[in-house]
């Protein structure tokens, strides 16, 4: 529209200024004006092409701007989500720290109650142990006594092994950290002939901790003879003493052998 207005204006000026002149100059001027108009049209077309390029660039910039805006909005949402998660975690930790003293107080109270219970049980067990120690007293009438140069636990174990090896099962036993009592079942052997008698025997043994890791051993045998016709009569004291001493010697020998083997293995 602008170049058309310029064209008509130029023609009007030419007509007004050349009303009294010849036609030839007017024609020449018209030719020049047409050339100028053609140049103006070329310029206008160039401007229009330039505007198209500018519009395309503007469209591309707008697309890029929308893309960047969308990316930033996505990142913003991610940051907001992460912030929300972090905030919730922080609130959870604050809640834990707030409740921790209450939970710790409850645990401490429970531990105190458990400690009181265990203390009571320990005191009761101690009292029971002391009563057992006091009641673990046997009238050592008769029998044979010997101090063994071996520790209390080793003697206690060997006694059980020795009795079992000789065919005696333990009827009853009671043991503390200071004393122990063993009572065997009665072992009966029938008479092999008229000339030889059988026997019935029962052992009672006690051990007690002595000085310098020694152990005091006491053995008493309830030894009776059985005749072929079934009569039972007591063995003389010398024979009883011999039976008791033989068991003591066998226990001592087993202890010495066991200690020697242990020393060689070490």
Protein backbone atom coordinates (compact mmCIF):
# COMPACT_ATOMS: atom_id res chain seq x y z
CA UNK A 1 0.00 0.00 0.00
CA UNK A 2 2.83 2.45 0.76
CA UNK A 3 4.51 2.20 -2.63
CA UNK A 4 1.20 2.81 -4.45
CA UNK A 5 0.68 6.07 -2.57
CA UNK A 6 4.21 7.13 -3.49
CA UNK A 7 3.54 6.31 -7.14
CA UNK A 8 0.38 8.42 -7.39
CA UNK A 9 2.02 11.29 -5.55
CA UNK A 10 4.91 11.37 -8.01
CA UNK A 11 2.51 11.35 -10.97
CA UNK A 12 0.46 14.18 -9.50
CA UNK A 13 3.54 16.31 -8.91
CA UNK A 14 4.73 15.64 -12.45
CA UNK A 15 1.40 16.67 -13.92
CA UNK A 16 1.24 19.88 -11.89
CA UNK A 17 4.79 20.94 -12.73
CA UNK A 18 4.60 20.15 -16.42
CA UNK A 19 1.25 21.38 -17.51
CA UNK A 20 2.76 23.85 -19.92
CA UNK A 21 5.55 21.71 -21.32
CA UNK A 22 5.83 19.28 -24.22
CA UNK A 23 4.62 15.71 -24.14
CA UNK A 24 8.08 14.24 -24.83
CA UNK A 25 9.61 15.42 -21.61
CA UNK A 26 6.60 14.09 -19.79
CA UNK A 27 7.03 10.72 -21.38
CA UNK A 28 10.70 10.66 -20.40
CA UNK A 29 9.81 11.57 -16.88
CA UNK A 30 7.14 8.91 -16.82
CA UNK A 31 9.74 6.36 -17.85
CA UNK A 32 12.03 7.48 -15.03
CA UNK A 33 9.14 7.33 -12.61
CA UNK A 34 8.30 3.81 -13.74
CA UNK A 35 11.91 2.80 -13.14
CA UNK A 36 11.76 4.33 -9.67
CA UNK A 37 8.50 2.54 -9.03
CA UNK A 38 10.08 -0.75 -10.17
CA UNK A 39 12.99 -0.17 -7.80
CA UNK A 40 10.55 0.64 -5.02
CA UNK A 41 8.64 -2.55 -5.75
CA UNK A 42 11.90 -4.51 -5.61
CA UNK A 43 12.72 -2.92 -2.28
CA UNK A 44 9.24 -3.69 -0.99
CA UNK A 45 9.52 -7.34 -2.11
CA UNK A 46 12.90 -7.56 -0.41
CA UNK A 47 11.40 -6.11 2.75
CA UNK A 48 8.54 -8.60 2.56
CA UNK A 49 10.98 -11.50 2.12
CA UNK A 50 12.98 -10.15 5.03
CA UNK A 51 9.83 -9.95 7.11
CA UNK A 52 9.06 -13.60 6.31
CA UNK A 53 12.55 -14.65 7.41
CA UNK A 54 12.20 -12.55 10.55
CA UNK A 55 8.80 -14.13 11.26
CA UNK A 56 10.24 -17.61 10.80
CA UNK A 57 13.06 -16.78 13.21
CA UNK A 58 10.55 -15.34 15.66
CA UNK A 59 8.48 -18.54 15.40
CA UNK A 60 11.59 -20.66 16.00
CA UNK A 61 12.52 -18.51 18.98
CA UNK A 62 9.00 -18.86 20.34
CA UNK A 63 9.16 -22.65 19.96
CA UNK A 64 12.56 -22.74 21.68
CA UNK A 65 11.24 -20.50 24.44
CA UNK A 66 8.21 -22.78 24.96
CA UNK A 67 10.49 -25.84 25.04
CA UNK A 68 12.83 -24.24 27.57
CA UNK A 69 9.85 -23.11 29.64
CA UNK A 70 8.43 -26.65 29.65
CA UNK A 71 11.82 -28.08 30.71
CA UNK A 72 12.13 -25.56 33.52
CA UNK A 73 8.60 -26.31 34.67
CA UNK A 74 9.41 -30.05 34.73
CA UNK A 75 12.59 -29.40 36.71
CA UNK A 76 10.63 -27.17 39.05
CA UNK A 77 8.11 -29.95 39.66
CA UNK A 78 10.95 -32.42 40.33
CA UNK A 79 12.58 -30.01 42.78
CA UNK A 80 9.26 -29.43 44.51
CA UNK A 81 8.64 -33.19 44.76
CA UNK A 82 12.14 -33.78 46.15
CA UNK A 83 11.68 -30.93 48.57
CA UNK A 84 8.40 -32.46 49.74
CA UNK A 85 10.06 -35.84 50.28
CA UNK A 86 12.97 -34.24 52.15
CA UNK A 87 10.54 -32.25 54.26
CA UNK A 88 8.57 -35.38 55.15
CA UNK A 89 11.79 -37.22 56.08
CA UNK A 90 12.88 -34.30 58.22
CA UNK A 91 9.50 -34.23 59.92
CA UNK A 92 9.76 -37.98 60.55
CA UNK A 93 13.20 -37.57 62.12
CA UNK A 94 11.95 -34.71 64.25
CA UNK A 95 9.07 -36.93 65.37
CA UNK A 96 11.50 -39.73 66.21
CA UNK A 97 13.72 -37.38 68.17
CA UNK A 98 10.68 -36.07 69.96
CA UNK A 99 9.43 -39.55 70.86
CA UNK A 100 12.90 -40.98 71.58
CA UNK A 101 13.05 -39.81 75.22
CA UNK A 102 9.69 -41.47 75.90
CA UNK A 103 10.77 -44.72 74.24
CA UNK A 104 14.11 -44.68 76.05
CA UNK A 105 12.37 -44.03 79.35
CA UNK A 106 10.08 -47.02 78.71
CA UNK A 107 13.07 -49.23 77.84
CA UNK A 108 14.95 -48.10 80.94
CA UNK A 109 11.91 -48.84 83.09
CA UNK A 110 11.57 -52.32 81.53
CA UNK A 111 15.29 -53.00 82.06
CA UNK A 112 15.04 -51.88 85.67
CA UNK A 113 12.15 -54.26 86.24
CA UNK A 114 14.07 -57.09 84.53
CA UNK A 115 17.11 -56.31 86.66
CA UNK A 116 15.03 -56.43 89.82
CA UNK A 117 13.56 -59.76 88.73
CA UNK A 118 17.00 -61.23 87.95
CA UNK A 119 18.39 -59.90 91.22
CA UNK A 120 15.56 -61.58 93.11
CA UNK A 121 16.12 -64.86 91.26
CA UNK A 122 19.86 -64.67 91.91
CA UNK A 123 19.31 -64.10 95.63
CA UNK A 124 16.83 -66.97 95.75
CA UNK A 125 19.27 -69.30 93.97
CA UNK A 126 22.02 -68.29 96.36
CA UNK A 127 19.82 -69.04 99.33
CA UNK A 128 18.89 -72.43 97.83
CA UNK A 129 22.54 -73.18 97.18
CA UNK A 130 23.46 -72.29 100.76
CA UNK A 131 20.68 -74.49 102.09
CA UNK A 132 21.84 -77.38 99.93
CA UNK A 133 25.41 -76.91 101.12
CA UNK A 134 24.25 -76.96 104.72
CA UNK A 135 22.06 -80.02 104.18
CA UNK A 136 24.73 -81.86 102.17
CA UNK A 137 26.21 -83.44 105.28
CA UNK A 138 26.56 -87.19 105.68
CA UNK A 139 27.58 -88.95 108.83
CA UNK A 140 30.85 -90.45 107.70
CA UNK A 141 30.75 -93.49 109.97
CA UNK A 142 33.28 -96.10 108.98
CA UNK A 143 34.61 -96.16 105.46
CA UNK A 144 38.00 -95.03 104.16
CA UNK A 145 39.22 -91.46 103.53
CA UNK A 146 42.04 -90.26 101.33
CA UNK A 147 43.22 -86.85 100.08
CA UNK A 148 43.73 -86.93 96.33
CA UNK A 149 46.15 -84.47 94.66
CA UNK A 150 43.62 -83.66 91.94
CA UNK A 151 41.06 -80.91 91.40
CA UNK A 152 37.44 -81.35 92.49
CA UNK A 153 35.85 -81.37 88.96
CA UNK A 154 38.27 -84.03 87.68
CA UNK A 155 37.62 -86.31 90.68
CA UNK A 156 33.86 -85.93 90.29
CA UNK A 157 34.01 -87.01 86.64
CA UNK A 158 36.35 -89.96 87.24
CA UNK A 159 34.13 -91.31 90.04
CA UNK A 160 31.18 -91.63 87.67
CA UNK A 161 33.34 -93.28 84.99
CA UNK A 162 34.92 -95.72 87.46
CA UNK A 163 31.63 -96.82 88.99
CA UNK A 164 30.10 -97.39 85.55
CA UNK A 165 33.14 -99.41 84.44
CA UNK A 166 32.73 -101.71 87.46
CA UNK A 167 29.04 -102.29 86.82
CA UNK A 168 27.59 -99.86 89.36
CA UNK A 169 24.82 -97.51 88.30
CA UNK A 170 24.35 -94.32 90.29
CA UNK A 171 21.10 -94.39 92.27
CA UNK A 172 21.35 -90.82 93.51
CA UNK A 173 23.82 -87.96 93.38
CA UNK A 174 23.97 -84.38 94.58
CA UNK A 175 26.71 -81.90 93.83
CA UNK A 176 27.61 -78.29 94.64
CA UNK A 177 30.77 -76.36 93.87
CA UNK A 178 32.26 -77.56 97.18
CA UNK A 179 30.83 -81.02 97.88
CA UNK A 180 29.32 -84.01 96.08
CA UNK A 181 27.60 -87.23 97.17
CA UNK A 182 27.18 -90.43 95.11
CA UNK A 183 25.06 -93.46 96.10
CA UNK A 184 25.03 -96.53 93.85
CA UNK A 185 22.42 -99.20 93.31
CA UNK A 186 23.06 -102.52 94.96
CA UNK A 187 25.06 -104.82 92.75
CA UNK A 188 24.39 -108.55 93.28
CA UNK A 189 26.56 -111.45 92.13
CA UNK A 190 25.18 -114.96 92.68
CA UNK A 191 27.41 -117.68 94.19
CA UNK A 192 29.33 -119.53 91.47
CA UNK A 193 29.56 -122.75 93.51
CA UNK A 194 29.01 -124.28 96.93
CA UNK A 195 32.53 -123.41 97.97
CA UNK A 196 32.39 -119.79 96.79
CA UNK A 197 29.83 -117.25 97.91
CA UNK A 198 28.28 -114.47 95.96
CA UNK A 199 27.93 -110.92 97.21
CA UNK A 200 25.75 -107.87 97.29
CA UNK A 201 27.37 -104.45 97.52
CA UNK A 202 26.46 -100.79 97.49
CA UNK A 203 28.85 -97.82 97.56
CA UNK A 204 28.43 -94.41 99.11
CA UNK A 205 31.04 -91.79 98.21
CA UNK A 206 31.56 -88.16 99.14
CA UNK A 207 34.10 -85.68 97.81
CA UNK A 208 34.92 -82.25 99.16
CA UNK A 209 37.24 -79.50 98.01
CA UNK A 210 40.46 -79.49 99.97
CA UNK A 211 43.44 -77.11 100.15
CA UNK A 212 45.77 -76.50 97.20
CA UNK A 213 43.36 -77.93 94.59
CA UNK A 214 43.26 -81.25 96.41
CA UNK A 215 40.08 -83.25 96.95
CA UNK A 216 39.04 -85.26 100.01
CA UNK A 217 37.48 -88.62 99.05
CA UNK A 218 35.48 -90.82 101.44
CA UNK A 219 34.21 -94.28 100.45
CA UNK A 220 31.99 -96.66 102.38
CA UNK A 221 30.87 -100.08 101.13
CA UNK A 222 27.75 -101.96 102.27
CA UNK A 223 29.18 -105.36 101.39
CA UNK A 224 27.28 -108.58 102.15
CA UNK A 225 27.98 -112.18 101.23
CA UNK A 226 25.39 -114.56 99.78
CA UNK A 227 25.69 -118.29 100.28
CA UNK A 228 24.55 -120.93 97.80
CA UNK A 229 21.40 -121.61 99.80
CA UNK A 230 20.54 -117.87 99.83
CA UNK A 231 21.70 -116.91 103.29
CA UNK A 232 23.08 -113.39 103.65
CA UNK A 233 25.77 -112.50 106.16
CA UNK A 234 28.00 -109.47 106.69
CA UNK A 235 31.59 -109.39 105.60
CA UNK A 236 34.27 -108.88 108.25
CA UNK A 237 35.63 -105.31 108.75
CA UNK A 238 38.99 -106.17 107.20
CA UNK A 239 37.32 -107.34 104.01
CA UNK A 240 35.14 -104.21 103.93
CA UNK A 241 38.20 -101.99 104.31
CA UNK A 242 39.96 -103.86 101.53
CA UNK A 243 36.99 -103.37 99.16
CA UNK A 244 36.80 -99.65 99.98
CA UNK A 245 40.54 -99.11 99.52
CA UNK A 246 40.53 -100.96 96.19
CA UNK A 247 37.91 -98.51 94.82
CA UNK A 248 39.92 -95.53 96.10
CA UNK A 249 43.07 -96.88 94.48
CA UNK A 250 41.27 -97.46 91.18
CA UNK A 251 39.92 -93.88 91.21
CA UNK A 252 43.41 -92.56 91.99
CA UNK A 253 44.94 -94.66 89.22
CA UNK A 254 42.37 -93.43 86.68
CA UNK A 255 43.07 -89.81 87.64
CA UNK A 256 46.82 -90.27 87.34
CA UNK A 257 46.48 -92.00 83.97
CA UNK A 258 44.14 -89.31 82.67
CA UNK A 259 46.41 -86.48 83.78
CA UNK A 260 49.43 -88.18 82.25
CA UNK A 261 47.65 -88.62 78.93
CA UNK A 262 46.52 -85.01 79.00
CA UNK A 263 50.07 -83.81 79.71
CA UNK A 264 51.48 -85.89 76.85
CA UNK A 265 48.85 -84.61 74.41
CA UNK A 266 49.54 -81.01 75.37
